[in-house]
Amino acid sequence: MKDQDQRIANMSFASVYPHYVTKVEKKGRTKEELHQVITWLTGYSSPDLERLIQEKVTFERFFGEANLNPNASLITGVICGYRIEDIQNQLTQQVRYLDKLVDELAKGRKMEKILRS
């Protein structure tokens, strides 16, 4: 596993989550919409998310226990300079899926487009 992949795997979801909230709220979206997006991708409910944040789980555990949406592979494009569909490490790709969805939410994309419906 490359250093970056290992760093992402060991990062806690709780450390990144407040940045997601700030990013979407700065653009006029809500925490509820953020949760809707995270739930769509992972299958976690809002209480699940709160518990995972309290437990300070790593991204490795966060996605390891998630029930990933079968349409997640429809999330494509470039995030952090990487083409999502070309990322080899599965966990890193899943974290980038989440980053991309948060970006789309912050950019004002319609929810049905974000949720690939």
PDB file of N, CA and C in Angstrom:
ATOM      1  N   MET A   1       0.859  -1.193   0.000  1.00  0.00           N
ATOM      2  CA  MET A   1       0.000   0.000   0.000  1.00  0.00           C
ATOM      3  C   MET A   1       0.895   1.244   0.000  1.00  0.00           C
ATOM      4  N   LYS A   2       0.585   2.160  -0.883  1.00  0.00           N
ATOM      5  CA  LYS A   2       1.365   3.390  -0.931  1.00  0.00           C
ATOM      6  C   LYS A   2       1.149   4.208   0.343  1.00  0.00           C
ATOM      7  N   ASP A   3       2.103   5.097   0.621  1.00  0.00           N
ATOM      8  CA  ASP A   3       2.024   5.940   1.822  1.00  0.00           C
ATOM      9  C   ASP A   3       0.708   6.712   1.888  1.00  0.00           C
ATOM     10  N   GLN A   4       0.325   7.316   0.755  1.00  0.00           N
ATOM     11  CA  GLN A   4      -0.909   8.115   0.742  1.00  0.00           C
ATOM     12  C   GLN A   4      -2.126   7.237   1.068  1.00  0.00           C
ATOM     13  N   ASP A   5      -2.180   6.041   0.489  1.00  0.00           N
ATOM     14  CA  ASP A   5      -3.297   5.130   0.758  1.00  0.00           C
ATOM     15  C   ASP A   5      -3.340   4.751   2.237  1.00  0.00           C
ATOM     16  N   GLN A   6      -2.166   4.504   2.816  1.00  0.00           N
ATOM     17  CA  GLN A   6      -2.084   4.141   4.228  1.00  0.00           C
ATOM     18  C   GLN A   6      -2.517   5.312   5.108  1.00  0.00           C
ATOM     19  N   ARG A   7      -2.095   6.520   4.730  1.00  0.00           N
ATOM     20  CA  ARG A   7      -2.464   7.722   5.497  1.00  0.00           C
ATOM     21  C   ARG A   7      -3.981   7.912   5.479  1.00  0.00           C
ATOM     22  N   ILE A   8      -4.586   7.724   4.304  1.00  0.00           N
ATOM     23  CA  ILE A   8      -6.041   7.858   4.184  1.00  0.00           C
ATOM     24  C   ILE A   8      -6.735   6.784   5.030  1.00  0.00           C
ATOM     25  N   ALA A   9      -6.245   5.547   4.969  1.00  0.00           N
ATOM     26  CA  ALA A   9      -6.854   4.437   5.712  1.00  0.00           C
ATOM     27  C   ALA A   9      -6.856   4.707   7.216  1.00  0.00           C
ATOM     28  N   ASN A  10      -5.782   5.340   7.702  1.00  0.00           N
ATOM     29  CA  ASN A  10      -5.632   5.575   9.142  1.00  0.00           C
ATOM     30  C   ASN A  10      -6.255   6.885   9.623  1.00  0.00           C
ATOM     31  N   MET A  11      -6.697   7.719   8.697  1.00  0.00           N
ATOM     32  CA  MET A  11      -7.310   8.997   9.064  1.00  0.00           C
ATOM     33  C   MET A  11      -8.690   8.729   9.666  1.00  0.00           C
ATOM     34  N   SER A  12      -9.057   9.493  10.681  1.00  0.00           N
ATOM     35  CA  SER A  12     -10.377   9.261  11.273  1.00  0.00           C
ATOM     36  C   SER A  12     -11.439  10.055  10.511  1.00  0.00           C
ATOM     37  N   PHE A  13     -12.584   9.398  10.340  1.00  0.00           N
ATOM     38  CA  PHE A  13     -13.718  10.053   9.693  1.00  0.00           C
ATOM     39  C   PHE A  13     -14.094  11.310  10.475  1.00  0.00           C
ATOM     40  N   ALA A  14     -14.021  11.227  11.808  1.00  0.00           N
ATOM     41  CA  ALA A  14     -14.389  12.360  12.680  1.00  0.00           C
ATOM     42  C   ALA A  14     -13.505  13.585  12.425  1.00  0.00           C
ATOM     43  N   SER A  15     -12.261  13.367  11.992  1.00  0.00           N
ATOM     44  CA  SER A  15     -11.357  14.503  11.762  1.00  0.00           C
ATOM     45  C   SER A  15     -11.702  15.237  10.465  1.00  0.00           C
ATOM     46  N   VAL A  16     -12.327  14.550   9.522  1.00  0.00           N
ATOM     47  CA  VAL A  16     -12.644  15.132   8.220  1.00  0.00           C
ATOM     48  C   VAL A  16     -14.082  15.648   8.165  1.00  0.00           C
ATOM     49  N   TYR A  17     -14.968  14.980   8.893  1.00  0.00           N
ATOM     50  CA  TYR A  17     -16.402  15.306   8.868  1.00  0.00           C
ATOM     51  C   TYR A  17     -16.699  16.798   9.084  1.00  0.00           C
ATOM     52  N   PRO A  18     -16.107  17.469  10.086  1.00  0.00           N
ATOM     53  CA  PRO A  18     -16.417  18.901  10.270  1.00  0.00           C
ATOM     54  C   PRO A  18     -16.067  19.745   9.038  1.00  0.00           C
ATOM     55  N   HIS A  19     -15.044  19.332   8.302  1.00  0.00           N
ATOM     56  CA  HIS A  19     -14.668  20.051   7.075  1.00  0.00           C
ATOM     57  C   HIS A  19     -15.732  19.875   5.999  1.00  0.00           C
ATOM     58  N   TYR A  20     -16.315  18.675   5.924  1.00  0.00           N
ATOM     59  CA  TYR A  20     -17.418  18.439   4.998  1.00  0.00           C
ATOM     60  C   TYR A  20     -18.595  19.355   5.337  1.00  0.00           C
ATOM     61  N   VAL A  21     -18.943  19.406   6.624  1.00  0.00           N
ATOM     62  CA  VAL A  21     -20.069  20.232   7.074  1.00  0.00           C
ATOM     63  C   VAL A  21     -19.814  21.698   6.725  1.00  0.00           C
ATOM     64  N   THR A  22     -18.628  22.200   7.063  1.00  0.00           N
ATOM     65  CA  THR A  22     -18.277  23.598   6.787  1.00  0.00           C
ATOM     66  C   THR A  22     -18.355  23.883   5.295  1.00  0.00           C
ATOM     67  N   LYS A  23     -17.804  22.974   4.486  1.00  0.00           N
ATOM     68  CA  LYS A  23     -17.768  23.167   3.038  1.00  0.00           C
ATOM     69  C   LYS A  23     -19.170  23.299   2.453  1.00  0.00           C
ATOM     70  N   VAL A  24     -20.084  22.413   2.846  1.00  0.00           N
ATOM     71  CA  VAL A  24     -21.429  22.467   2.263  1.00  0.00           C
ATOM     72  C   VAL A  24     -22.244  23.625   2.832  1.00  0.00           C
ATOM     73  N   GLU A  25     -22.087  23.921   4.133  1.00  0.00           N
ATOM     74  CA  GLU A  25     -22.856  25.011   4.736  1.00  0.00           C
ATOM     75  C   GLU A  25     -22.415  26.374   4.202  1.00  0.00           C
ATOM     76  N   LYS A  26     -21.110  26.521   3.899  1.00  0.00           N
ATOM     77  CA  LYS A  26     -20.619  27.777   3.317  1.00  0.00           C
ATOM     78  C   LYS A  26     -21.295  28.062   1.983  1.00  0.00           C
ATOM     79  N   LYS A  27     -21.708  26.998   1.304  1.00  0.00           N
ATOM     80  CA  LYS A  27     -22.340  27.135  -0.015  1.00  0.00           C
ATOM     81  C   LYS A  27     -23.866  27.054   0.060  1.00  0.00           C
ATOM     82  N   GLY A  28     -24.411  27.163   1.289  1.00  0.00           N
ATOM     83  CA  GLY A  28     -25.867  27.214   1.425  1.00  0.00           C
ATOM     84  C   GLY A  28     -26.559  25.862   1.468  1.00  0.00           C
ATOM     85  N   ARG A  29     -25.804  24.783   1.587  1.00  0.00           N
ATOM     86  CA  ARG A  29     -26.424  23.469   1.729  1.00  0.00           C
ATOM     87  C   ARG A  29     -26.465  23.127   3.218  1.00  0.00           C
ATOM     88  N   THR A  30     -27.173  22.038   3.560  1.00  0.00           N
ATOM     89  CA  THR A  30     -27.377  21.721   4.977  1.00  0.00           C
ATOM     90  C   THR A  30     -26.664  20.437   5.386  1.00  0.00           C
ATOM     91  N   LYS A  31     -26.499  20.314   6.707  1.00  0.00           N
ATOM     92  CA  LYS A  31     -25.943  19.095   7.289  1.00  0.00           C
ATOM     93  C   LYS A  31     -26.850  17.908   6.948  1.00  0.00           C
ATOM     94  N   GLU A  32     -28.155  18.140   6.903  1.00  0.00           N
ATOM     95  CA  GLU A  32     -29.106  17.077   6.559  1.00  0.00           C
ATOM     96  C   GLU A  32     -28.859  16.587   5.137  1.00  0.00           C
ATOM     97  N   GLU A  33     -28.598  17.532   4.214  1.00  0.00           N
ATOM     98  CA  GLU A  33     -28.297  17.134   2.832  1.00  0.00           C
ATOM     99  C   GLU A  33     -26.976  16.358   2.775  1.00  0.00           C
ATOM    100  N   LEU A  34     -26.010  16.791   3.570  1.00  0.00           N
ATOM    101  CA  LEU A  34     -24.742  16.072   3.650  1.00  0.00           C
ATOM    102  C   LEU A  34     -24.981  14.642   4.122  1.00  0.00           C
ATOM    103  N   HIS A  35     -25.791  14.496   5.167  1.00  0.00           N
ATOM    104  CA  HIS A  35     -26.098  13.158   5.690  1.00  0.00           C
ATOM    105  C   HIS A  35     -26.821  12.315   4.640  1.00  0.00           C
ATOM    106  N   GLN A  36     -27.704  12.945   3.874  1.00  0.00           N
ATOM    107  CA  GLN A  36     -28.422  12.221   2.814  1.00  0.00           C
ATOM    108  C   GLN A  36     -27.421  11.644   1.801  1.00  0.00           C
ATOM    109  N   VAL A  37     -26.426  12.445   1.447  1.00  0.00           N
ATOM    110  CA  VAL A  37     -25.399  12.021   0.497  1.00  0.00           C
ATOM    111  C   VAL A  37     -24.549  10.884   1.091  1.00  0.00           C
ATOM    112  N   ILE A  38     -24.120  11.041   2.347  1.00  0.00           N
ATOM    113  CA  ILE A  38     -23.289  10.017   2.991  1.00  0.00           C
ATOM    114  C   ILE A  38     -24.091   8.718   3.149  1.00  0.00           C
ATOM    115  N   THR A  39     -25.372   8.845   3.510  1.00  0.00           N
ATOM    116  CA  THR A  39     -26.242   7.675   3.651  1.00  0.00           C
ATOM    117  C   THR A  39     -26.400   6.954   2.318  1.00  0.00           C
ATOM    118  N   TRP A  40     -26.583   7.727   1.254  1.00  0.00           N
ATOM    119  CA  TRP A  40     -26.721   7.108  -0.070  1.00  0.00           C
ATOM    120  C   TRP A  40     -25.478   6.281  -0.401  1.00  0.00           C
ATOM    121  N   LEU A  41     -24.301   6.841  -0.138  1.00  0.00           N
ATOM    122  CA  LEU A  41     -23.049   6.157  -0.485  1.00  0.00           C
ATOM    123  C   LEU A  41     -22.769   4.959   0.418  1.00  0.00           C
ATOM    124  N   THR A  42     -23.007   5.107   1.723  1.00  0.00           N
ATOM    125  CA  THR A  42     -22.521   4.117   2.707  1.00  0.00           C
ATOM    126  C   THR A  42     -23.599   3.237   3.328  1.00  0.00           C
ATOM    127  N   GLY A  43     -24.849   3.672   3.255  1.00  0.00           N
ATOM    128  CA  GLY A  43     -25.913   2.938   3.932  1.00  0.00           C
ATOM    129  C   GLY A  43     -26.053   3.294   5.405  1.00  0.00           C
ATOM    130  N   TYR A  44     -25.176   4.163   5.916  1.00  0.00           N
ATOM    131  CA  TYR A  44     -25.260   4.554   7.331  1.00  0.00           C
ATOM    132  C   TYR A  44     -26.409   5.542   7.551  1.00  0.00           C
ATOM    133  N   SER A  45     -27.103   5.386   8.670  1.00  0.00           N
ATOM    134  CA  SER A  45     -28.126   6.356   9.078  1.00  0.00           C
ATOM    135  C   SER A  45     -27.429   7.499   9.827  1.00  0.00           C
ATOM    136  N   SER A  46     -28.166   8.578  10.089  1.00  0.00           N
ATOM    137  CA  SER A  46     -27.595   9.685  10.867  1.00  0.00           C
ATOM    138  C   SER A  46     -27.119   9.223  12.250  1.00  0.00           C
ATOM    139  N   PRO A  47     -27.911   8.397  12.989  1.00  0.00           N
ATOM    140  CA  PRO A  47     -27.397   7.892  14.276  1.00  0.00           C
ATOM    141  C   PRO A  47     -26.111   7.063  14.116  1.00  0.00           C
ATOM    142  N   ASP A  48     -26.027   6.273  13.030  1.00  0.00           N
ATOM    143  CA  ASP A  48     -24.791   5.520  12.760  1.00  0.00           C
ATOM    144  C   ASP A  48     -23.620   6.485  12.613  1.00  0.00           C
ATOM    145  N   LEU A  49     -23.835   7.555  11.827  1.00  0.00           N
ATOM    146  CA  LEU A  49     -22.768   8.534  11.596  1.00  0.00           C
ATOM    147  C   LEU A  49     -22.315   9.167  12.902  1.00  0.00           C
ATOM    148  N   GLU A  50     -23.278   9.552  13.736  1.00  0.00           N
ATOM    149  CA  GLU A  50     -22.940  10.155  15.029  1.00  0.00           C
ATOM    150  C   GLU A  50     -22.095   9.187  15.874  1.00  0.00           C
ATOM    151  N   ARG A  51     -22.482   7.908  15.873  1.00  0.00           N
ATOM    152  CA  ARG A  51     -21.752   6.892  16.635  1.00  0.00           C
ATOM    153  C   ARG A  51     -20.335   6.730  16.094  1.00  0.00           C
ATOM    154  N   LEU A  52     -20.200   6.658  14.782  1.00  0.00           N
ATOM    155  CA  LEU A  52     -18.877   6.479  14.153  1.00  0.00           C
ATOM    156  C   LEU A  52     -17.976   7.688  14.424  1.00  0.00           C
ATOM    157  N   ILE A  53     -18.580   8.875  14.461  1.00  0.00           N
ATOM    158  CA  ILE A  53     -17.822  10.094  14.780  1.00  0.00           C
ATOM    159  C   ILE A  53     -17.359  10.031  16.239  1.00  0.00           C
ATOM    160  N   GLN A  54     -18.267   9.653  17.144  1.00  0.00           N
ATOM    161  CA  GLN A  54     -17.917   9.541  18.566  1.00  0.00           C
ATOM    162  C   GLN A  54     -16.792   8.527  18.779  1.00  0.00           C
ATOM    163  N   GLU A  55     -16.861   7.424  18.035  1.00  0.00           N
ATOM    164  CA  GLU A  55     -15.862   6.358  18.178  1.00  0.00           C
ATOM    165  C   GLU A  55     -14.556   6.698  17.452  1.00  0.00           C
ATOM    166  N   LYS A  56     -14.556   7.811  16.721  1.00  0.00           N
ATOM    167  CA  LYS A  56     -13.362   8.233  15.970  1.00  0.00           C
ATOM    168  C   LYS A  56     -12.807   7.107  15.092  1.00  0.00           C
ATOM    169  N   VAL A  57     -13.703   6.448  14.353  1.00  0.00           N
ATOM    170  CA  VAL A  57     -13.278   5.334  13.499  1.00  0.00           C
ATOM    171  C   VAL A  57     -12.403   5.833  12.346  1.00  0.00           C
ATOM    172  N   THR A  58     -11.510   4.984  11.911  1.00  0.00           N
ATOM    173  CA  THR A  58     -10.675   5.293  10.751  1.00  0.00           C
ATOM    174  C   THR A  58     -11.526   5.149   9.488  1.00  0.00           C
ATOM    175  N   PHE A  59     -11.038   5.733   8.390  1.00  0.00           N
ATOM    176  CA  PHE A  59     -11.727   5.538   7.118  1.00  0.00           C
ATOM    177  C   PHE A  59     -11.740   4.054   6.738  1.00  0.00           C
ATOM    178  N   GLU A  60     -10.686   3.333   7.131  1.00  0.00           N
ATOM    179  CA  GLU A  60     -10.633   1.904   6.837  1.00  0.00           C
ATOM    180  C   GLU A  60     -11.832   1.186   7.461  1.00  0.00           C
ATOM    181  N   ARG A  61     -12.106   1.479   8.720  1.00  0.00           N
ATOM    182  CA  ARG A  61     -13.262   0.857   9.375  1.00  0.00           C
ATOM    183  C   ARG A  61     -14.578   1.448   8.855  1.00  0.00           C
ATOM    184  N   PHE A  62     -14.589   2.767   8.636  1.00  0.00           N
ATOM    185  CA  PHE A  62     -15.793   3.450   8.152  1.00  0.00           C
ATOM    186  C   PHE A  62     -16.308   2.789   6.868  1.00  0.00           C
ATOM    187  N   PHE A  63     -15.406   2.592   5.898  1.00  0.00           N
ATOM    188  CA  PHE A  63     -15.837   1.972   4.648  1.00  0.00           C
ATOM    189  C   PHE A  63     -15.880   0.455   4.736  1.00  0.00           C
ATOM    190  N   GLY A  64     -15.092  -0.127   5.656  1.00  0.00           N
ATOM    191  CA  GLY A  64     -15.117  -1.581   5.842  1.00  0.00           C
ATOM    192  C   GLY A  64     -16.465  -2.071   6.337  1.00  0.00           C
ATOM    193  N   GLU A  65     -17.131  -1.250   7.149  1.00  0.00           N
ATOM    194  CA  GLU A  65     -18.437  -1.625   7.708  1.00  0.00           C
ATOM    195  C   GLU A  65     -19.600  -1.049   6.903  1.00  0.00           C
ATOM    196  N   ALA A  66     -19.289  -0.232   5.902  1.00  0.00           N
ATOM    197  CA  ALA A  66     -20.345   0.405   5.106  1.00  0.00           C
ATOM    198  C   ALA A  66     -20.968  -0.599   4.150  1.00  0.00           C
ATOM    199  N   ASN A  67     -22.188  -0.287   3.743  1.00  0.00           N
ATOM    200  CA  ASN A  67     -22.885  -1.064   2.730  1.00  0.00           C
ATOM    201  C   ASN A  67     -22.882  -0.180   1.482  1.00  0.00           C
ATOM    202  N   LEU A  68     -21.788  -0.228   0.723  1.00  0.00           N
ATOM    203  CA  LEU A  68     -21.584   0.712  -0.376  1.00  0.00           C
ATOM    204  C   LEU A  68     -22.682   0.604  -1.426  1.00  0.00           C
ATOM    205  N   ASN A  69     -23.179   1.761  -1.849  1.00  0.00           N
ATOM    206  CA  ASN A  69     -24.236   1.806  -2.864  1.00  0.00           C
ATOM    207  C   ASN A  69     -23.729   1.149  -4.149  1.00  0.00           C
ATOM    208  N   PRO A  70     -24.571   0.267  -4.753  1.00  0.00           N
ATOM    209  CA  PRO A  70     -24.145  -0.397  -5.996  1.00  0.00           C
ATOM    210  C   PRO A  70     -23.875   0.599  -7.141  1.00  0.00           C
ATOM    211  N   ASN A  71     -24.443   1.795  -7.058  1.00  0.00           N
ATOM    212  CA  ASN A  71     -24.212   2.799  -8.102  1.00  0.00           C
ATOM    213  C   ASN A  71     -23.005   3.692  -7.821  1.00  0.00           C
ATOM    214  N   ALA A  72     -22.239   3.395  -6.771  1.00  0.00           N
ATOM    215  CA  ALA A  72     -21.081   4.221  -6.427  1.00  0.00           C
ATOM    216  C   ALA A  72     -20.095   4.312  -7.595  1.00  0.00           C
ATOM    217  N   SER A  73     -20.006   3.251  -8.388  1.00  0.00           N
ATOM    218  CA  SER A  73     -19.060   3.257  -9.512  1.00  0.00           C
ATOM    219  C   SER A  73     -19.442   4.277 -10.588  1.00  0.00           C
ATOM    220  N   LEU A  74     -20.664   4.825 -10.503  1.00  0.00           N
ATOM    221  CA  LEU A  74     -21.080   5.880 -11.436  1.00  0.00           C
ATOM    222  C   LEU A  74     -20.465   7.234 -11.066  1.00  0.00           C
ATOM    223  N   ILE A  75     -19.823   7.304  -9.900  1.00  0.00           N
ATOM    224  CA  ILE A  75     -19.159   8.533  -9.468  1.00  0.00           C
ATOM    225  C   ILE A  75     -17.811   8.591 -10.177  1.00  0.00           C
ATOM    226  N   THR A  76     -17.701   9.531 -11.115  1.00  0.00           N
ATOM    227  CA  THR A  76     -16.472   9.642 -11.902  1.00  0.00           C
ATOM    228  C   THR A  76     -16.019  11.093 -11.912  1.00  0.00           C
ATOM    229  N   GLY A  77     -14.860  11.303 -12.476  1.00  0.00           N
ATOM    230  CA  GLY A  77     -14.340  12.659 -12.568  1.00  0.00           C
ATOM    231  C   GLY A  77     -13.036  12.782 -11.806  1.00  0.00           C
ATOM    232  N   VAL A  78     -12.587  14.021 -11.660  1.00  0.00           N
ATOM    233  CA  VAL A  78     -11.299  14.276 -11.024  1.00  0.00           C
ATOM    234  C   VAL A  78     -11.522  14.896  -9.652  1.00  0.00           C
ATOM    235  N   ILE A  79     -10.805  14.368  -8.669  1.00  0.00           N
ATOM    236  CA  ILE A  79     -10.838  14.935  -7.316  1.00  0.00           C
ATOM    237  C   ILE A  79      -9.411  14.913  -6.786  1.00  0.00           C
ATOM    238  N   CYS A  80      -8.981  16.019  -6.211  1.00  0.00           N
ATOM    239  CA  CYS A  80      -7.617  16.126  -5.672  1.00  0.00           C
ATOM    240  C   CYS A  80      -6.574  15.742  -6.720  1.00  0.00           C
ATOM    241  N   GLY A  81      -6.865  16.031  -7.977  1.00  0.00           N
ATOM    242  CA  GLY A  81      -5.910  15.761  -9.048  1.00  0.00           C
ATOM    243  C   GLY A  81      -5.885  14.325  -9.555  1.00  0.00           C
ATOM    244  N   TYR A  82      -6.765  13.475  -9.029  1.00  0.00           N
ATOM    245  CA  TYR A  82      -6.801  12.073  -9.461  1.00  0.00           C
ATOM    246  C   TYR A  82      -8.132  11.767 -10.126  1.00  0.00           C
ATOM    247  N   ARG A  83      -8.085  11.008 -11.226  1.00  0.00           N
ATOM    248  CA  ARG A  83      -9.313  10.542 -11.863  1.00  0.00           C
ATOM    249  C   ARG A  83      -9.833   9.390 -11.013  1.00  0.00           C
ATOM    250  N   ILE A  84     -11.028   9.564 -10.434  1.00  0.00           N
ATOM    251  CA  ILE A  84     -11.586   8.605  -9.471  1.00  0.00           C
ATOM    252  C   ILE A  84     -11.623   7.180 -10.026  1.00  0.00           C
ATOM    253  N   GLU A  85     -12.094   7.046 -11.271  1.00  0.00           N
ATOM    254  CA  GLU A  85     -12.260   5.703 -11.830  1.00  0.00           C
ATOM    255  C   GLU A  85     -10.919   4.994 -12.080  1.00  0.00           C
ATOM    256  N   ASP A  86      -9.799   5.727 -12.013  1.00  0.00           N
ATOM    257  CA  ASP A  86      -8.469   5.124 -12.234  1.00  0.00           C
ATOM    258  C   ASP A  86      -7.737   4.795 -10.927  1.00  0.00           C
ATOM    259  N   ILE A  87      -8.324   5.149  -9.785  1.00  0.00           N
ATOM    260  CA  ILE A  87      -7.652   4.883  -8.505  1.00  0.00           C
ATOM    261  C   ILE A  87      -7.678   3.380  -8.244  1.00  0.00           C
ATOM    262  N   GLN A  88      -6.489   2.802  -8.029  1.00  0.00           N
ATOM    263  CA  GLN A  88      -6.359   1.347  -7.870  1.00  0.00           C
ATOM    264  C   GLN A  88      -6.764   0.868  -6.475  1.00  0.00           C
ATOM    265  N   ASN A  89      -6.402   1.631  -5.441  1.00  0.00           N
ATOM    266  CA  ASN A  89      -6.699   1.216  -4.076  1.00  0.00           C
ATOM    267  C   ASN A  89      -8.187   1.428  -3.787  1.00  0.00           C
ATOM    268  N   GLN A  90      -8.883   0.352  -3.432  1.00  0.00           N
ATOM    269  CA  GLN A  90     -10.340   0.416  -3.250  1.00  0.00           C
ATOM    270  C   GLN A  90     -10.753   1.410  -2.167  1.00  0.00           C
ATOM    271  N   LEU A  91     -10.073   1.378  -1.030  1.00  0.00           N
ATOM    272  CA  LEU A  91     -10.434   2.281   0.057  1.00  0.00           C
ATOM    273  C   LEU A  91     -10.210   3.744  -0.340  1.00  0.00           C
ATOM    274  N   THR A  92      -9.062   4.024  -0.948  1.00  0.00           N
ATOM    275  CA  THR A  92      -8.788   5.397  -1.392  1.00  0.00           C
ATOM    276  C   THR A  92      -9.853   5.837  -2.386  1.00  0.00           C
ATOM    277  N   GLN A  93     -10.246   4.946  -3.278  1.00  0.00           N
ATOM    278  CA  GLN A  93     -11.287   5.266  -4.254  1.00  0.00           C
ATOM    279  C   GLN A  93     -12.609   5.580  -3.538  1.00  0.00           C
ATOM    280  N   GLN A  94     -12.952   4.814  -2.516  1.00  0.00           N
ATOM    281  CA  GLN A  94     -14.203   5.045  -1.784  1.00  0.00           C
ATOM    282  C   GLN A  94     -14.178   6.380  -1.055  1.00  0.00           C
ATOM    283  N   VAL A  95     -13.040   6.731  -0.463  1.00  0.00           N
ATOM    284  CA  VAL A  95     -12.918   8.035   0.206  1.00  0.00           C
ATOM    285  C   VAL A  95     -13.068   9.150  -0.830  1.00  0.00           C
ATOM    286  N   ARG A  96     -12.491   8.967  -2.014  1.00  0.00           N
ATOM    287  CA  ARG A  96     -12.608   9.971  -3.074  1.00  0.00           C
ATOM    288  C   ARG A  96     -14.036  10.062  -3.607  1.00  0.00           C
ATOM    289  N   TYR A  97     -14.768   8.941  -3.609  1.00  0.00           N
ATOM    290  CA  TYR A  97     -16.202   8.993  -3.956  1.00  0.00           C
ATOM    291  C   TYR A  97     -16.898   9.977  -3.020  1.00  0.00           C
ATOM    292  N   LEU A  98     -16.633   9.818  -1.720  1.00  0.00           N
ATOM    293  CA  LEU A  98     -17.252  10.677  -0.718  1.00  0.00           C
ATOM    294  C   LEU A  98     -16.842  12.135  -0.934  1.00  0.00           C
ATOM    295  N   ASP A  99     -15.549  12.373  -1.168  1.00  0.00           N
ATOM    296  CA  ASP A  99     -15.068  13.734  -1.427  1.00  0.00           C
ATOM    297  C   ASP A  99     -15.791  14.341  -2.627  1.00  0.00           C
ATOM    298  N   LYS A 100     -15.952  13.562  -3.680  1.00  0.00           N
ATOM    299  CA  LYS A 100     -16.595  14.040  -4.909  1.00  0.00           C
ATOM    300  C   LYS A 100     -18.061  14.397  -4.647  1.00  0.00           C
ATOM    301  N   LEU A 101     -18.767  13.548  -3.900  1.00  0.00           N
ATOM    302  CA  LEU A 101     -20.175  13.827  -3.587  1.00  0.00           C
ATOM    303  C   LEU A 101     -20.304  15.110  -2.767  1.00  0.00           C
ATOM    304  N   VAL A 102     -19.404  15.289  -1.799  1.00  0.00           N
ATOM    305  CA  VAL A 102     -19.415  16.508  -0.978  1.00  0.00           C
ATOM    306  C   VAL A 102     -19.145  17.724  -1.861  1.00  0.00           C
ATOM    307  N   ASP A 103     -18.197  17.603  -2.775  1.00  0.00           N
ATOM    308  CA  ASP A 103     -17.909  18.682  -3.728  1.00  0.00           C
ATOM    309  C   ASP A 103     -19.136  19.045  -4.553  1.00  0.00           C
ATOM    310  N   GLU A 104     -19.782  18.023  -5.092  1.00  0.00           N
ATOM    311  CA  GLU A 104     -20.965  18.260  -5.930  1.00  0.00           C
ATOM    312  C   GLU A 104     -22.071  18.936  -5.131  1.00  0.00           C
ATOM    313  N   LEU A 105     -22.260  18.515  -3.880  1.00  0.00           N
ATOM    314  CA  LEU A 105     -23.253  19.130  -3.011  1.00  0.00           C
ATOM    315  C   LEU A 105     -22.910  20.605  -2.801  1.00  0.00           C
ATOM    316  N   ALA A 106     -21.647  20.866  -2.493  1.00  0.00           N
ATOM    317  CA  ALA A 106     -21.202  22.248  -2.247  1.00  0.00           C
ATOM    318  C   ALA A 106     -21.319  23.108  -3.508  1.00  0.00           C
ATOM    319  N   LYS A 107     -21.181  22.496  -4.674  1.00  0.00           N
ATOM    320  CA  LYS A 107     -21.261  23.254  -5.929  1.00  0.00           C
ATOM    321  C   LYS A 107     -22.706  23.489  -6.369  1.00  0.00           C
ATOM    322  N   GLY A 108     -23.666  23.000  -5.566  1.00  0.00           N
ATOM    323  CA  GLY A 108     -25.065  23.283  -5.867  1.00  0.00           C
ATOM    324  C   GLY A 108     -25.716  22.328  -6.849  1.00  0.00           C
ATOM    325  N   ARG A 109     -25.090  21.199  -7.090  1.00  0.00           N
ATOM    326  CA  ARG A 109     -25.704  20.211  -7.988  1.00  0.00           C
ATOM    327  C   ARG A 109     -27.025  19.717  -7.412  1.00  0.00           C
ATOM    328  N   LYS A 110     -27.964  19.379  -8.279  1.00  0.00           N
ATOM    329  CA  LYS A 110     -29.254  18.850  -7.830  1.00  0.00           C
ATOM    330  C   LYS A 110     -29.040  17.491  -7.147  1.00  0.00           C
ATOM    331  N   MET A 111     -29.806  17.270  -6.072  1.00  0.00           N
ATOM    332  CA  MET A 111     -29.642  16.054  -5.284  1.00  0.00           C
ATOM    333  C   MET A 111     -29.811  14.786  -6.129  1.00  0.00           C
ATOM    334  N   GLU A 112     -30.790  14.775  -7.051  1.00  0.00           N
ATOM    335  CA  GLU A 112     -30.995  13.544  -7.847  1.00  0.00           C
ATOM    336  C   GLU A 112     -29.792  13.247  -8.750  1.00  0.00           C
ATOM    337  N   LYS A 113     -29.068  14.279  -9.151  1.00  0.00           N
ATOM    338  CA  LYS A 113     -27.846  14.058  -9.942  1.00  0.00           C
ATOM    339  C   LYS A 113     -26.717  13.541  -9.041  1.00  0.00           C
ATOM    340  N   ILE A 114     -26.596  14.135  -7.856  1.00  0.00           N
ATOM    341  CA  ILE A 114     -25.564  13.703  -6.909  1.00  0.00           C
ATOM    342  C   ILE A 114     -25.781  12.226  -6.545  1.00  0.00           C
ATOM    343  N   LEU A 115     -27.025  11.853  -6.331  1.00  0.00           N
ATOM    344  CA  LEU A 115     -27.357  10.499  -5.895  1.00  0.00           C
ATOM    345  C   LEU A 115     -27.491   9.523  -7.065  1.00  0.00           C
ATOM    346  N   ARG A 116     -27.042   9.976  -8.241  1.00  0.00           N
ATOM    347  CA  ARG A 116     -26.973   9.125  -9.427  1.00  0.00           C
ATOM    348  C   ARG A 116     -28.273   8.389  -9.686  1.00  0.00           C
ATOM    349  N   SER A 117     -29.416   9.132  -9.570  1.00  0.00           N
ATOM    350  CA  SER A 117     -30.704   8.466  -9.803  1.00  0.00           C
ATOM    351  C   SER A 117     -31.309   8.887 -11.129  1.00  0.00           C
TER     352      SER A 117
END
